[in-house]
Amino acid sequence: QADNFCNSVGILQQTAIPSKFSGFDRGGSQTPQQQTQQEDYAHLFATLISRCARDIDALIESLPNEDSTTELQVC
């Protein structure tokens, strides 16, 4: 899950349009680089994060209870 969050932040940093702040003079290019292919990264990462969360929930639910005995686990 941490990998999904880290990658999503990286994509946001890579594709975000720069903002101007009043009273702050910054040198350099003020025009964002145009991407040749526009993808819906928000939807992609939301899907990946929710799928991973469902998988984690399924794994947690499959764990045995504390009061579970060996006989109950075998059945």
Protein backbone atom coordinates (compact mmCIF):
# COMPACT_ATOMS: atom_id res chain seq x y z
CA GLN A 1 0.00 0.00 0.00
CA ALA A 2 2.88 2.32 0.82
CA ASP A 3 4.27 1.69 -2.67
CA ASN A 4 0.96 2.82 -4.24
CA PHE A 5 0.90 6.00 -2.15
CA CYS A 6 4.54 6.77 -2.90
CA ASN A 7 4.07 6.28 -6.65
CA SER A 8 0.91 8.39 -6.70
CA VAL A 9 2.72 11.29 -5.00
CA GLY A 10 5.57 10.94 -7.49
CA ILE A 11 3.19 11.10 -10.46
CA LEU A 12 1.47 14.15 -8.95
CA GLN A 13 4.83 15.89 -8.59
CA GLN A 14 5.79 14.97 -12.13
CA THR A 15 2.56 16.08 -13.83
CA ALA A 16 1.36 18.98 -11.66
CA ILE A 17 1.10 22.43 -13.19
CA PRO A 18 3.27 24.97 -11.32
CA SER A 19 1.46 27.57 -9.23
CA LYS A 20 2.45 31.20 -8.87
CA PHE A 21 2.63 32.78 -5.45
CA SER A 22 2.13 36.53 -5.11
CA GLY A 23 5.16 38.32 -3.74
CA PHE A 24 7.48 35.44 -4.60
CA ASP A 25 9.81 35.89 -7.55
CA ARG A 26 11.08 32.63 -8.97
CA GLY A 27 13.35 32.24 -11.95
CA GLY A 28 13.07 29.44 -14.45
CA SER A 29 10.41 28.15 -16.77
CA GLN A 30 6.84 29.05 -15.86
CA THR A 31 5.26 26.82 -18.48
CA PRO A 32 4.60 23.18 -17.65
CA GLN A 33 5.94 20.49 -19.91
CA GLN A 34 3.19 19.10 -22.09
CA GLN A 35 2.66 15.40 -21.89
CA THR A 36 2.15 13.51 -25.09
CA GLN A 37 -0.32 11.18 -23.46
CA GLN A 38 -2.82 12.34 -20.88
CA GLU A 39 -3.87 9.59 -18.51
CA ASP A 40 -6.29 9.69 -15.65
CA TYR A 41 -3.76 9.07 -12.90
CA ALA A 42 -6.22 9.90 -10.12
CA HIS A 43 -8.57 7.14 -11.25
CA LEU A 44 -5.72 4.68 -11.81
CA PHE A 45 -4.19 5.12 -8.36
CA ALA A 46 -7.59 5.23 -6.65
CA THR A 47 -8.33 1.86 -8.24
CA LEU A 48 -4.95 0.41 -7.23
CA ILE A 49 -5.21 1.69 -3.65
CA SER A 50 -8.78 0.46 -3.15
CA ARG A 51 -7.93 -2.96 -4.64
CA CYS A 52 -4.93 -3.29 -2.33
CA ALA A 53 -7.06 -2.26 0.67
CA ARG A 54 -9.65 -4.94 -0.22
CA ASP A 55 -6.88 -7.54 -0.49
CA ILE A 56 -5.52 -6.52 2.92
CA ASP A 57 -9.00 -6.74 4.45
CA ALA A 58 -9.49 -10.21 2.95
CA LEU A 59 -6.16 -11.36 4.39
CA ILE A 60 -7.04 -9.99 7.83
CA GLU A 61 -10.45 -11.68 7.76
CA SER A 62 -8.85 -15.01 6.87
CA LEU A 63 -6.65 -14.98 9.98
CA PRO A 64 -7.80 -17.34 12.76
CA ASN A 65 -9.41 -15.95 15.92
CA GLU A 66 -7.50 -15.92 19.19
CA ASP A 67 -9.87 -18.48 20.72
CA SER A 68 -9.53 -20.80 17.72
CA THR A 69 -8.31 -24.31 18.47
CA THR A 70 -6.38 -26.64 16.22
CA GLU A 71 -9.50 -28.79 15.71
CA LEU A 72 -11.55 -25.79 14.52
CA GLN A 73 -8.79 -24.73 12.13
CA VAL A 74 -8.59 -28.18 10.54
CA CYS A 75 -12.33 -28.22 9.71
